[in-house]
N, C-alpha and C. Protein backbone atom coordinates (compact mmCIF):
# COMPACT_ATOMS: atom_id res chain seq x y z
N MET A 1 -75.49 83.93 36.22
CA MET A 1 -74.31 83.82 36.19
C MET A 1 -74.27 82.34 37.05
N ILE A 2 -72.94 81.87 36.75
CA ILE A 2 -72.71 80.36 37.45
C ILE A 2 -71.37 80.17 38.22
N VAL A 3 -71.10 79.31 38.96
CA VAL A 3 -70.02 79.25 39.82
C VAL A 3 -70.02 77.81 39.51
N TYR A 4 -68.86 77.01 39.48
CA TYR A 4 -69.05 75.56 39.10
C TYR A 4 -67.66 74.89 39.96
N GLY A 5 -68.51 73.98 40.79
CA GLY A 5 -67.52 73.58 41.72
C GLY A 5 -68.29 73.00 42.91
N SER A 6 -67.88 72.83 44.33
CA SER A 6 -69.10 72.13 45.30
C SER A 6 -68.80 73.11 46.64
N SER A 7 -69.48 73.21 47.37
CA SER A 7 -69.38 74.53 48.22
C SER A 7 -68.47 73.74 49.77
N LEU A 8 -68.43 72.37 49.40
CA LEU A 8 -67.77 71.85 50.05
C LEU A 8 -66.10 72.40 50.33
N SER A 9 -66.07 73.09 49.20
CA SER A 9 -64.62 73.54 49.19
C SER A 9 -64.82 75.20 49.20
N PRO A 10 -63.87 75.57 50.61
CA PRO A 10 -63.87 76.64 51.62
C PRO A 10 -63.75 77.80 50.75
N TYR A 11 -63.15 77.57 49.41
CA TYR A 11 -63.18 78.95 48.32
C TYR A 11 -64.06 78.97 47.67
N VAL A 12 -65.00 77.57 47.48
CA VAL A 12 -66.37 77.64 46.86
C VAL A 12 -67.15 78.41 47.72
N ARG A 13 -67.25 78.24 48.82
CA ARG A 13 -68.34 78.64 49.99
C ARG A 13 -67.79 79.62 49.66
N LYS A 14 -66.93 80.34 49.97
CA LYS A 14 -66.65 82.03 50.58
C LYS A 14 -67.28 82.92 49.18
N VAL A 15 -66.97 82.30 47.70
CA VAL A 15 -68.10 82.97 46.59
C VAL A 15 -69.28 82.77 46.64
N MET A 16 -69.35 81.57 46.86
CA MET A 16 -71.00 81.56 47.18
C MET A 16 -71.96 82.45 48.49
N ALA A 17 -70.88 82.54 49.32
CA ALA A 17 -71.73 83.31 50.43
C ALA A 17 -71.31 84.95 50.12
N PHE A 18 -70.50 84.99 49.58
CA PHE A 18 -70.13 86.60 48.83
C PHE A 18 -71.30 87.18 48.16
N ALA A 19 -71.49 86.22 47.18
CA ALA A 19 -72.61 86.57 46.20
C ALA A 19 -73.81 86.86 46.70
N ALA A 20 -74.19 86.10 47.74
CA ALA A 20 -75.52 85.76 49.00
C ALA A 20 -75.66 87.59 49.32
N GLU A 21 -74.15 87.95 50.00
CA GLU A 21 -74.63 88.92 50.45
C GLU A 21 -74.39 89.82 50.04
N LYS A 22 -73.99 90.06 48.82
CA LYS A 22 -74.74 91.01 47.72
C LYS A 22 -76.05 91.08 47.05
N GLY A 23 -76.33 89.66 47.23
CA GLY A 23 -77.82 89.70 46.32
C GLY A 23 -77.47 89.59 45.12
N LEU A 24 -76.96 88.48 44.98
CA LEU A 24 -76.59 88.67 43.19
C LEU A 24 -76.37 87.09 43.59
N GLU A 25 -77.54 86.53 41.86
CA GLU A 25 -78.41 85.41 42.13
C GLU A 25 -77.26 85.01 41.14
N VAL A 26 -76.55 83.39 41.62
CA VAL A 26 -75.74 82.70 41.59
C VAL A 26 -76.21 81.36 41.24
N GLU A 27 -76.05 80.41 40.49
CA GLU A 27 -76.47 79.07 40.32
C GLU A 27 -75.02 78.33 40.24
N LEU A 28 -75.26 77.29 41.67
CA LEU A 28 -73.75 76.79 41.58
C LEU A 28 -73.77 75.06 40.98
N ARG A 29 -73.16 75.00 40.13
CA ARG A 29 -73.16 73.76 39.28
C ARG A 29 -71.84 72.94 39.45
N PRO A 30 -71.94 71.50 39.43
CA PRO A 30 -70.96 70.80 39.76
C PRO A 30 -69.52 70.53 38.53
N ASN A 31 -69.15 70.76 38.42
CA ASN A 31 -67.48 71.42 38.03
C ASN A 31 -67.26 69.62 37.02
N ALA A 32 -67.59 68.92 37.49
CA ALA A 32 -67.65 67.10 37.00
C ALA A 32 -69.20 66.24 37.15
N GLY A 33 -69.27 65.20 36.48
CA GLY A 33 -69.83 64.40 36.61
C GLY A 33 -69.50 63.00 36.00
N PRO A 34 -70.41 62.10 35.67
CA PRO A 34 -69.95 60.93 35.27
C PRO A 34 -68.96 60.50 34.45
N GLY A 35 -69.04 61.76 33.50
CA GLY A 35 -68.46 61.29 32.59
C GLY A 35 -66.91 62.06 31.89
N GLY A 36 -66.93 62.80 33.39
CA GLY A 36 -65.38 63.89 33.54
C GLY A 36 -65.93 64.89 33.76
N PRO A 37 -64.95 66.00 33.49
CA PRO A 37 -64.79 67.29 34.01
C PRO A 37 -66.11 68.10 33.11
N ASP A 38 -66.77 68.67 32.96
CA ASP A 38 -67.74 69.72 32.06
C ASP A 38 -66.83 70.64 31.30
N PRO A 39 -67.04 70.72 30.54
CA PRO A 39 -66.29 71.48 29.60
C PRO A 39 -66.47 72.73 29.45
N GLU A 40 -67.62 73.29 29.73
CA GLU A 40 -67.69 74.62 29.79
C GLU A 40 -67.12 74.98 31.58
N PHE A 41 -66.57 74.06 31.97
CA PHE A 41 -65.95 74.40 33.25
C PHE A 41 -64.29 74.88 32.93
N LEU A 42 -63.94 73.55 32.41
CA LEU A 42 -62.95 73.74 31.73
C LEU A 42 -62.22 74.64 30.75
N ALA A 43 -63.44 75.21 30.28
CA ALA A 43 -63.11 76.54 29.53
C ALA A 43 -62.76 77.46 30.75
N ALA A 44 -63.49 77.93 31.42
CA ALA A 44 -63.25 78.77 32.53
C ALA A 44 -62.08 78.91 33.78
N SER A 45 -61.98 77.49 33.48
CA SER A 45 -61.04 77.37 34.57
C SER A 45 -59.89 76.32 33.74
N PRO A 46 -58.88 77.11 33.27
CA PRO A 46 -58.22 75.99 32.59
C PRO A 46 -57.20 75.25 33.22
N PHE A 47 -56.83 75.83 34.77
CA PHE A 47 -55.90 74.86 35.27
C PHE A 47 -56.85 73.90 36.28
N ARG A 48 -58.32 73.73 35.97
CA ARG A 48 -59.07 72.71 36.87
C ARG A 48 -59.06 73.16 38.23
N LYS A 49 -59.00 73.97 38.64
CA LYS A 49 -59.19 74.56 39.88
C LYS A 49 -60.38 75.32 39.94
N ILE A 50 -61.17 75.05 41.25
CA ILE A 50 -62.68 76.07 41.59
C ILE A 50 -62.26 76.73 42.71
N PRO A 51 -63.08 77.51 42.89
CA PRO A 51 -64.18 77.71 41.95
C PRO A 51 -63.78 78.50 40.58
N ALA A 52 -64.95 78.48 39.66
CA ALA A 52 -64.91 79.06 38.42
C ALA A 52 -66.09 79.21 38.37
N LEU A 53 -66.28 80.51 37.24
CA LEU A 53 -67.37 81.57 36.94
C LEU A 53 -67.63 81.91 35.78
N ARG A 54 -68.42 81.68 35.50
CA ARG A 54 -69.04 81.91 33.86
C ARG A 54 -70.10 83.48 34.36
N ASP A 55 -70.03 84.10 33.28
CA ASP A 55 -71.08 84.86 33.46
C ASP A 55 -71.49 85.64 31.89
N GLY A 56 -72.68 84.92 31.38
CA GLY A 56 -72.77 85.09 29.82
C GLY A 56 -71.74 84.43 28.93
N ASP A 57 -70.67 86.00 28.42
CA ASP A 57 -69.34 84.82 27.55
C ASP A 57 -68.49 85.44 28.33
N PHE A 58 -68.42 86.19 29.66
CA PHE A 58 -67.21 86.36 30.65
C PHE A 58 -66.88 84.79 31.41
N THR A 59 -65.68 84.39 31.49
CA THR A 59 -64.92 83.52 32.43
C THR A 59 -64.16 83.65 33.06
N LEU A 60 -63.81 83.41 34.33
CA LEU A 60 -62.72 83.77 35.68
C LEU A 60 -62.84 82.52 36.10
N ALA A 61 -61.56 82.27 36.88
CA ALA A 61 -61.19 81.28 37.81
C ALA A 61 -60.44 82.19 38.85
N ASP A 62 -60.62 81.58 39.96
CA ASP A 62 -59.59 81.76 41.57
C ASP A 62 -60.43 82.82 42.10
N SER A 63 -60.70 82.16 43.45
CA SER A 63 -62.06 82.71 44.10
C SER A 63 -61.55 84.61 44.78
N SER A 64 -60.28 84.75 44.78
CA SER A 64 -60.39 86.45 44.95
C SER A 64 -60.37 86.76 43.98
N ALA A 65 -60.66 86.38 42.64
CA ALA A 65 -60.37 87.39 41.29
C ALA A 65 -62.23 87.04 41.15
N ILE A 66 -62.75 86.26 41.34
CA ILE A 66 -64.05 86.22 41.52
C ILE A 66 -64.97 87.18 42.35
N VAL A 67 -64.24 87.06 43.82
CA VAL A 67 -65.39 88.28 44.25
C VAL A 67 -64.62 90.03 44.30
N GLY A 68 -63.60 89.68 43.50
CA GLY A 68 -63.37 91.29 42.79
C GLY A 68 -64.29 91.53 42.10
N TYR A 69 -64.46 90.87 40.86
CA TYR A 69 -65.27 91.10 39.69
C TYR A 69 -66.88 91.27 40.27
N MET A 70 -67.49 90.27 41.37
CA MET A 70 -68.57 90.56 41.64
C MET A 70 -68.73 92.01 42.99
N GLU A 71 -67.51 92.19 43.56
CA GLU A 71 -67.76 93.65 43.71
C GLU A 71 -67.92 94.56 42.89
N LYS A 72 -67.13 94.77 42.20
CA LYS A 72 -67.28 95.58 40.65
C LYS A 72 -68.47 95.93 40.14
N LEU A 73 -69.55 94.54 39.93
CA LEU A 73 -70.29 94.11 38.93
C LEU A 73 -71.41 94.73 40.10
N LYS A 74 -71.29 94.67 41.32
CA LYS A 74 -72.58 95.09 42.37
C LYS A 74 -71.66 95.80 43.29
N PRO A 75 -71.57 96.73 43.57
CA PRO A 75 -70.51 98.15 44.45
C PRO A 75 -71.45 97.64 46.11
N SER A 76 -72.80 97.75 45.70
CA SER A 76 -73.41 97.78 47.30
C SER A 76 -74.13 96.37 47.42
N PRO A 77 -74.18 96.24 48.86
CA PRO A 77 -72.99 96.48 49.59
C PRO A 77 -71.86 96.63 49.74
N GLU A 78 -70.89 97.18 49.92
CA GLU A 78 -69.73 97.33 49.93
C GLU A 78 -68.83 96.44 50.92
N LEU A 79 -68.23 95.21 50.31
CA LEU A 79 -67.77 94.19 51.16
C LEU A 79 -66.43 94.33 51.03
N ILE A 80 -65.32 94.93 49.56
CA ILE A 80 -64.21 94.87 50.00
C ILE A 80 -64.13 96.76 49.40
N PRO A 81 -63.48 96.97 51.27
CA PRO A 81 -63.53 98.87 51.70
C PRO A 81 -62.96 99.22 50.47
N SER A 82 -63.25 100.71 50.09
CA SER A 82 -62.76 101.18 49.43
C SER A 82 -61.31 102.36 50.43
N ASP A 83 -61.56 102.27 51.80
CA ASP A 83 -60.84 102.84 52.51
C ASP A 83 -59.40 102.47 51.98
N PRO A 84 -58.27 102.85 51.79
CA PRO A 84 -57.02 102.12 51.85
C PRO A 84 -57.09 101.49 52.63
N ARG A 85 -57.19 101.82 53.60
CA ARG A 85 -56.38 101.03 54.92
C ARG A 85 -57.40 99.64 55.20
N ASP A 86 -58.67 99.66 55.52
CA ASP A 86 -59.34 98.63 55.09
C ASP A 86 -59.32 98.05 54.19
N HIS A 87 -59.20 98.62 53.20
CA HIS A 87 -59.32 97.40 52.01
C HIS A 87 -58.00 96.68 52.17
N ALA A 88 -56.91 97.01 52.42
CA ALA A 88 -55.69 96.78 52.35
C ALA A 88 -56.07 95.50 53.46
N ARG A 89 -56.54 95.55 54.95
CA ARG A 89 -56.63 94.56 55.64
C ARG A 89 -58.00 93.84 55.50
N ALA A 90 -58.76 93.81 54.50
CA ALA A 90 -59.75 92.90 54.12
C ALA A 90 -58.54 92.13 52.63
N ILE A 91 -58.14 92.48 51.97
CA ILE A 91 -57.10 91.59 51.37
C ILE A 91 -56.98 90.66 52.17
N TRP A 92 -55.79 91.34 53.27
CA TRP A 92 -54.87 90.20 53.67
C TRP A 92 -55.25 89.02 54.53
N PHE A 93 -56.79 89.65 55.10
CA PHE A 93 -57.44 88.35 55.84
C PHE A 93 -57.71 87.49 54.73
N ASP A 94 -57.99 87.60 53.08
CA ASP A 94 -58.31 86.96 52.34
C ASP A 94 -57.76 86.08 51.97
N GLU A 95 -56.14 87.36 52.37
CA GLU A 95 -55.06 85.96 51.48
C GLU A 95 -54.56 85.09 52.83
N TRP A 96 -54.95 85.82 54.10
CA TRP A 96 -54.69 84.74 55.10
C TRP A 96 -55.55 83.50 55.00
N ALA A 97 -56.85 83.41 54.72
CA ALA A 97 -57.23 82.70 54.76
C ALA A 97 -57.58 81.46 54.07
N ASP A 98 -57.09 82.10 52.34
CA ASP A 98 -56.44 81.26 51.68
C ASP A 98 -55.52 80.18 51.27
N THR A 99 -54.39 81.62 52.14
CA THR A 99 -52.78 80.55 52.28
C THR A 99 -52.58 79.49 53.66
N ILE A 100 -53.03 80.48 54.46
CA ILE A 100 -52.72 79.95 55.96
C ILE A 100 -53.91 78.78 56.45
N GLN A 101 -54.81 79.36 56.74
CA GLN A 101 -56.15 78.95 56.88
C GLN A 101 -56.16 77.41 56.70
N CYS A 102 -56.54 77.57 55.27
CA CYS A 102 -57.20 76.96 54.04
C CYS A 102 -56.02 75.53 53.70
N ALA A 103 -54.62 75.81 53.93
CA ALA A 103 -53.01 74.94 53.82
C ALA A 103 -53.76 74.03 55.02
N ALA A 104 -53.99 74.77 55.78
CA ALA A 104 -53.92 73.70 57.24
C ALA A 104 -55.55 72.79 57.25
N GLY A 105 -56.60 73.17 57.31
CA GLY A 105 -57.60 72.72 57.46
C GLY A 105 -57.65 72.08 55.46
N VAL A 106 -57.52 72.28 54.94
CA VAL A 106 -57.49 71.13 53.33
C VAL A 106 -57.06 69.90 53.54
N PRO A 107 -55.88 69.65 53.96
CA PRO A 107 -55.34 68.38 54.00
C PRO A 107 -56.18 67.55 55.08
N ILE A 108 -56.60 68.09 55.56
CA ILE A 108 -57.06 67.36 57.21
C ILE A 108 -58.49 66.60 56.00
N PHE A 109 -59.00 67.77 55.73
CA PHE A 109 -60.93 67.71 54.95
C PHE A 109 -60.44 66.37 53.97
N PHE A 110 -59.61 66.67 53.06
CA PHE A 110 -58.97 65.87 51.68
C PHE A 110 -59.16 64.43 52.44
N ASN A 111 -58.02 63.97 53.12
CA ASN A 111 -57.74 62.51 53.63
C ASN A 111 -58.84 61.84 54.12
N ARG A 112 -59.47 63.08 55.33
CA ARG A 112 -60.55 62.56 56.18
C ARG A 112 -61.71 62.02 55.90
N ILE A 113 -62.64 63.15 54.48
CA ILE A 113 -63.31 63.10 53.68
C ILE A 113 -63.10 62.79 52.28
N VAL A 114 -62.79 64.12 51.53
CA VAL A 114 -63.18 63.91 50.43
C VAL A 114 -62.51 62.62 50.14
N ALA A 115 -60.90 62.31 50.08
CA ALA A 115 -60.67 60.67 49.07
C ALA A 115 -61.46 59.89 49.69
N PRO A 116 -61.89 59.32 50.94
CA PRO A 116 -62.74 58.42 50.67
C PRO A 116 -64.30 58.96 50.21
N LEU A 117 -64.66 59.40 50.34
CA LEU A 117 -66.00 59.94 49.76
C LEU A 117 -65.41 59.72 47.59
N LEU A 118 -64.44 60.00 47.17
CA LEU A 118 -64.32 59.81 45.91
C LEU A 118 -63.44 58.43 45.45
N GLY A 119 -63.48 57.57 47.03
CA GLY A 119 -62.55 56.38 46.65
C GLY A 119 -61.28 56.59 46.49
N ARG A 120 -60.30 57.34 46.61
CA ARG A 120 -59.40 57.55 46.45
C ARG A 120 -58.34 57.38 48.02
N PRO A 121 -56.82 57.15 47.24
CA PRO A 121 -56.23 56.49 48.64
C PRO A 121 -56.38 57.63 49.62
N ALA A 122 -56.12 57.88 50.20
CA ALA A 122 -56.20 58.77 51.89
C ALA A 122 -54.65 58.82 52.15
N ASP A 123 -53.91 59.80 52.80
CA ASP A 123 -53.01 59.54 53.75
C ASP A 123 -53.50 60.08 55.50
N PRO A 124 -53.38 59.52 56.14
CA PRO A 124 -54.00 59.52 57.68
C PRO A 124 -52.97 60.36 57.94
N ALA A 125 -51.69 60.24 57.41
CA ALA A 125 -50.10 60.85 58.52
C ALA A 125 -50.66 61.98 57.77
N VAL A 126 -50.64 62.70 56.83
CA VAL A 126 -50.75 64.22 56.30
C VAL A 126 -51.71 64.48 57.08
N ALA A 127 -53.00 64.43 57.08
CA ALA A 127 -53.82 64.70 57.85
C ALA A 127 -54.00 65.02 59.31
N ASP A 128 -53.19 64.25 60.34
CA ASP A 128 -52.93 64.05 61.12
C ASP A 128 -51.76 65.00 61.41
N ARG A 129 -50.56 65.51 60.52
CA ARG A 129 -49.61 66.03 61.05
C ARG A 129 -49.89 67.28 60.98
N ALA A 130 -51.26 67.87 59.91
CA ALA A 130 -51.53 69.33 59.45
C ALA A 130 -52.40 69.22 60.91
N GLU A 131 -53.15 68.50 61.26
CA GLU A 131 -54.36 68.94 62.61
C GLU A 131 -52.96 69.44 64.02
N LYS A 132 -52.17 68.79 63.78
CA LYS A 132 -51.34 69.30 65.06
C LYS A 132 -49.88 70.15 64.79
N GLU A 133 -49.71 70.08 63.39
CA GLU A 133 -48.80 71.37 63.54
C GLU A 133 -48.84 72.57 62.63
N LEU A 134 -50.08 72.32 61.60
CA LEU A 134 -50.46 73.44 61.25
C LEU A 134 -51.31 74.05 61.39
N LEU A 135 -52.73 73.71 62.00
CA LEU A 135 -53.51 74.41 62.49
C LEU A 135 -53.65 75.18 63.45
N PRO A 136 -53.12 74.71 64.54
CA PRO A 136 -52.69 75.23 65.80
C PRO A 136 -52.15 77.14 65.45
N PRO A 137 -51.38 77.33 64.63
CA PRO A 137 -50.86 78.73 64.77
C PRO A 137 -51.81 79.61 63.75
N ALA A 138 -52.65 78.72 62.82
CA ALA A 138 -53.67 79.61 62.47
C ALA A 138 -54.82 80.26 63.01
N LEU A 139 -55.31 78.94 64.52
CA LEU A 139 -55.97 79.17 65.32
C LEU A 139 -56.00 80.28 66.36
N ASP A 140 -54.77 80.37 66.63
CA ASP A 140 -54.11 81.12 67.42
C ASP A 140 -53.79 82.72 66.90
N TYR A 141 -53.65 82.41 65.21
CA TYR A 141 -53.30 84.02 65.17
C TYR A 141 -55.28 84.91 65.53
N LEU A 142 -56.01 83.85 64.79
CA LEU A 142 -56.88 84.80 64.73
C LEU A 142 -57.50 84.83 66.14
N GLU A 143 -56.97 83.89 67.19
CA GLU A 143 -57.75 83.97 68.24
C GLU A 143 -57.09 85.64 68.65
N GLY A 144 -56.32 85.78 68.35
CA GLY A 144 -55.23 87.15 69.03
C GLY A 144 -56.08 88.35 68.29
N VAL A 145 -56.46 88.02 67.01
CA VAL A 145 -57.43 89.70 66.49
C VAL A 145 -58.67 89.54 66.05
N ALA A 146 -59.63 88.47 66.25
CA ALA A 146 -60.50 88.47 66.61
C ALA A 146 -61.46 89.19 67.57
N PRO A 147 -62.52 89.88 66.82
CA PRO A 147 -63.13 90.98 67.69
C PRO A 147 -64.67 89.94 68.41
N ALA A 148 -65.54 90.68 69.18
CA ALA A 148 -66.28 90.10 69.91
C ALA A 148 -67.12 89.58 69.07
N ALA A 149 -67.93 88.70 69.54
CA ALA A 149 -69.05 87.88 68.80
C ALA A 149 -70.12 89.01 68.45
N GLY A 150 -70.31 89.41 66.85
CA GLY A 150 -71.24 89.70 66.50
C GLY A 150 -70.56 90.77 65.48
N ASP A 151 -69.01 91.19 66.11
CA ASP A 151 -68.64 92.55 65.33
C ASP A 151 -67.46 91.52 64.22
N PHE A 152 -66.61 92.36 63.58
CA PHE A 152 -66.32 92.38 62.07
C PHE A 152 -64.87 92.74 62.17
N LEU A 153 -63.91 92.19 61.38
CA LEU A 153 -62.41 92.42 61.15
C LEU A 153 -62.26 93.63 61.25
N VAL A 154 -62.98 94.42 60.01
CA VAL A 154 -62.65 95.74 59.56
C VAL A 154 -63.68 96.50 59.21
N GLY A 155 -63.20 97.90 59.79
CA GLY A 155 -64.08 98.95 60.06
C GLY A 155 -65.61 98.40 60.28
N GLY A 156 -66.00 97.62 61.57
CA GLY A 156 -67.18 97.76 62.03
C GLY A 156 -67.96 96.91 61.24
N ARG A 157 -67.62 96.62 60.16
CA ARG A 157 -69.05 96.00 59.43
C ARG A 157 -68.25 95.08 58.90
N LEU A 158 -69.28 93.90 57.87
CA LEU A 158 -69.04 93.10 57.17
C LEU A 158 -68.42 93.07 56.30
N THR A 159 -67.24 92.22 56.13
CA THR A 159 -66.41 92.48 54.66
C THR A 159 -66.06 90.95 53.91
N LEU A 160 -65.05 91.54 53.10
CA LEU A 160 -64.63 90.26 52.65
C LEU A 160 -63.61 89.46 53.73
N ALA A 161 -63.20 90.30 54.68
CA ALA A 161 -62.34 89.68 55.25
C ALA A 161 -63.25 88.69 56.38
N ASP A 162 -64.48 88.77 56.95
CA ASP A 162 -65.05 88.11 57.69
C ASP A 162 -65.66 86.79 57.16
N ILE A 163 -65.76 86.96 55.18
CA ILE A 163 -66.29 86.25 54.70
C ILE A 163 -65.44 84.99 54.70
N ALA A 164 -64.09 85.12 54.44
CA ALA A 164 -63.01 84.64 54.00
C ALA A 164 -62.51 83.47 55.33
N ALA A 165 -62.65 84.83 56.05
CA ALA A 165 -61.66 84.05 57.78
C ALA A 165 -62.51 83.12 58.39
N ALA A 166 -63.78 82.97 57.83
CA ALA A 166 -64.98 82.25 58.39
C ALA A 166 -64.81 80.71 57.42
N SER A 167 -64.84 80.98 56.11
CA SER A 167 -65.60 79.85 55.64
C SER A 167 -64.36 78.70 55.71
N PRO A 168 -63.23 78.53 56.12
CA PRO A 168 -62.72 77.42 56.31
C PRO A 168 -62.81 76.31 57.52
N PHE A 169 -63.58 77.56 58.72
CA PHE A 169 -63.90 76.89 60.04
C PHE A 169 -65.51 75.86 59.32
N VAL A 170 -66.00 76.13 58.01
CA VAL A 170 -67.33 75.08 58.07
C VAL A 170 -66.57 73.40 57.88
N ASN A 171 -65.29 73.49 57.47
CA ASN A 171 -65.03 72.36 56.89
C ASN A 171 -64.50 71.76 58.12
N LEU A 172 -64.06 72.25 59.04
CA LEU A 172 -63.18 72.33 60.68
C LEU A 172 -64.99 71.18 61.30
N ARG A 173 -65.82 72.38 61.41
CA ARG A 173 -66.74 71.03 61.62
C ARG A 173 -67.37 70.05 61.29
N HIS A 174 -67.14 70.09 59.80
CA HIS A 174 -67.76 68.59 59.38
C HIS A 174 -66.74 67.22 59.91
N LEU A 175 -66.01 68.45 60.06
CA LEU A 175 -64.55 67.05 60.51
C LEU A 175 -65.18 66.80 61.88
N GLY A 176 -65.49 67.24 62.56
CA GLY A 176 -65.63 67.35 64.14
C GLY A 176 -64.49 67.78 64.89
N ILE A 177 -63.99 68.90 64.97
CA ILE A 177 -62.42 69.18 64.95
C ILE A 177 -63.38 70.48 66.10
N ASP A 178 -63.48 70.49 67.54
CA ASP A 178 -63.74 71.61 68.19
C ASP A 178 -62.61 72.52 68.54
N TYR A 179 -62.78 73.64 67.30
CA TYR A 179 -61.58 75.08 67.74
C TYR A 179 -62.25 75.62 68.73
N ALA A 180 -63.39 75.63 68.87
CA ALA A 180 -64.19 76.93 69.91
C ALA A 180 -63.49 76.88 71.47
N SER A 181 -63.07 75.61 71.99
CA SER A 181 -62.56 74.82 73.06
C SER A 181 -61.40 75.51 73.63
N SER A 182 -60.51 75.06 73.14
CA SER A 182 -58.77 75.64 72.64
C SER A 182 -58.52 77.17 72.29
N HIS A 183 -59.92 77.61 71.81
CA HIS A 183 -59.71 79.30 71.01
C HIS A 183 -61.27 79.73 70.74
N PRO A 184 -61.47 80.12 72.32
CA PRO A 184 -63.30 80.67 72.59
C PRO A 184 -63.39 82.03 71.53
N LYS A 185 -62.35 82.85 71.74
CA LYS A 185 -62.70 84.29 71.02
C LYS A 185 -62.73 84.31 69.38
N ALA A 186 -61.77 83.48 69.37
CA ALA A 186 -61.92 83.40 67.51
C ALA A 186 -63.49 81.82 67.30
N GLY A 187 -63.35 80.92 68.09
CA GLY A 187 -64.77 80.80 68.14
C GLY A 187 -65.76 81.09 67.77
N ALA A 188 -66.13 81.67 68.71
CA ALA A 188 -67.99 83.21 69.00
C ALA A 188 -67.47 83.96 67.63
N TYR A 189 -66.61 84.19 67.50
CA TYR A 189 -66.40 85.13 66.72
C TYR A 189 -66.94 84.54 65.01
N VAL A 190 -66.15 83.18 64.96
CA VAL A 190 -66.57 82.81 63.79
C VAL A 190 -68.03 82.28 63.31
N ASP A 191 -68.45 81.34 64.38
CA ASP A 191 -70.20 80.82 64.49
C ASP A 191 -70.75 81.84 64.29
N ALA A 192 -70.31 83.24 64.91
CA ALA A 192 -71.57 84.19 64.49
C ALA A 192 -71.30 84.92 63.30
N VAL A 193 -70.87 84.80 62.23
CA VAL A 193 -70.74 84.83 61.24
C VAL A 193 -71.08 83.66 59.88
N LEU A 194 -70.63 82.23 60.49
CA LEU A 194 -71.16 81.43 60.08
C LEU A 194 -72.98 81.30 60.42
N ALA A 195 -73.37 81.47 61.79
CA ALA A 195 -75.22 81.77 61.42
C ALA A 195 -75.22 82.93 60.45
N ARG A 196 -75.01 83.00 60.15
CA ARG A 196 -75.90 84.54 58.64
C ARG A 196 -76.21 84.06 57.06
N PRO A 197 -77.23 84.12 57.32
CA PRO A 197 -78.38 83.21 56.16
C PRO A 197 -77.48 83.08 54.54
N SER A 198 -76.21 83.92 54.41
CA SER A 198 -75.49 83.72 53.76
C SER A 198 -74.51 82.32 53.47
N PHE A 199 -74.14 82.04 55.07
CA PHE A 199 -73.75 80.77 55.11
C PHE A 199 -74.57 79.81 55.33
N ALA A 200 -75.48 79.47 56.49
CA ALA A 200 -76.89 78.98 56.71
C ALA A 200 -76.43 78.20 56.35
N GLY A 201 -77.06 77.96 55.16
CA GLY A 201 -78.03 77.16 53.81
C GLY A 201 -77.04 76.56 53.00
N LEU A 202 -75.96 77.23 52.79
CA LEU A 202 -75.03 76.43 52.20
C LEU A 202 -74.59 75.24 53.50
N ILE A 203 -74.05 75.22 54.38
CA ILE A 203 -73.56 74.68 55.47
C ILE A 203 -74.72 73.38 55.55
N GLU A 204 -76.27 74.15 55.75
CA GLU A 204 -77.16 72.77 55.85
C GLU A 204 -77.37 71.86 54.79
N GLY A 205 -76.87 72.05 53.56
CA GLY A 205 -76.92 71.34 52.48
C GLY A 205 -75.55 70.40 52.45
N GLU A 206 -74.48 70.86 52.75
CA GLU A 206 -73.16 70.32 52.81
C GLU A 206 -73.65 69.28 54.30
N THR A 207 -73.98 69.62 55.25
CA THR A 207 -73.85 68.51 56.21
C THR A 207 -75.14 67.47 55.74
N ALA A 208 -76.65 67.96 54.98
CA ALA A 208 -77.08 66.61 54.91
C ALA A 208 -76.55 65.72 53.74
N PHE A 209 -75.54 66.64 52.16
CA PHE A 209 -74.98 65.83 51.56
C PHE A 209 -73.97 64.94 52.25
N LEU A 210 -73.04 65.12 53.26
CA LEU A 210 -72.61 64.15 53.70
C LEU A 210 -73.14 63.12 54.70
N ALA A 211 -74.14 63.44 55.15
CA ALA A 211 -75.21 62.15 56.35
C ALA A 211 -75.16 61.59 55.31
N SER A 212 -75.71 61.68 53.81
CA SER A 212 -76.40 60.69 52.65
C SER A 212 -75.07 59.90 52.46
N ARG A 213 -73.76 60.02 52.62
CA ARG A 213 -72.95 59.72 52.02
C ARG A 213 -72.54 58.15 52.79
N PRO A 214 -72.27 56.50 52.03
CA PRO A 214 -72.17 56.13 52.91
C PRO A 214 -70.81 56.03 53.44
N ALA A 215 -71.16 55.28 54.90
CA ALA A 215 -69.66 55.42 56.18
C ALA A 215 -68.95 55.38 55.66
């Protein structure tokens, strides 16, 4: 099974951590190289969004669709609950992470880290505005609903909710944004999730990659 993209993307990181928690063997493959986008990636993701997945002759794009496929492919351990209410809450936190938390963090990460790495124009004002106006409400929400460190958002066990909610915070770490001082409950909860082996190896690799790049 191949996942195309970079784990610097919170969406790709979510899929890779989900697969690791499932015990699925997944190869993370860059979606592009010096010659441009990988043709197999383009076949799997017609709109060039990451992540994309190839499992034999089956292809799929979108992180939420991919984790849904993985859940059905290997039902145990159950990471998307079957209980109606827990299922709905796990889907909500996945949606919140994708559309609220990432909408706050991605503009900051892109303009301060990704654009310079790619030699593309950055817009510091966009990053500053996102950090000032978009990020605090997202952090406030998680601060209000986060369980104690070591506990989980849904059903008292690890689910997609925790994987999705924690993933964007790795980008805040790479940016040097101290979310734990202003939001200690959310910070302790997120840091406990990110300490899991499913995330720790990804974070280590990302940190090493970013440290190796020219300043």
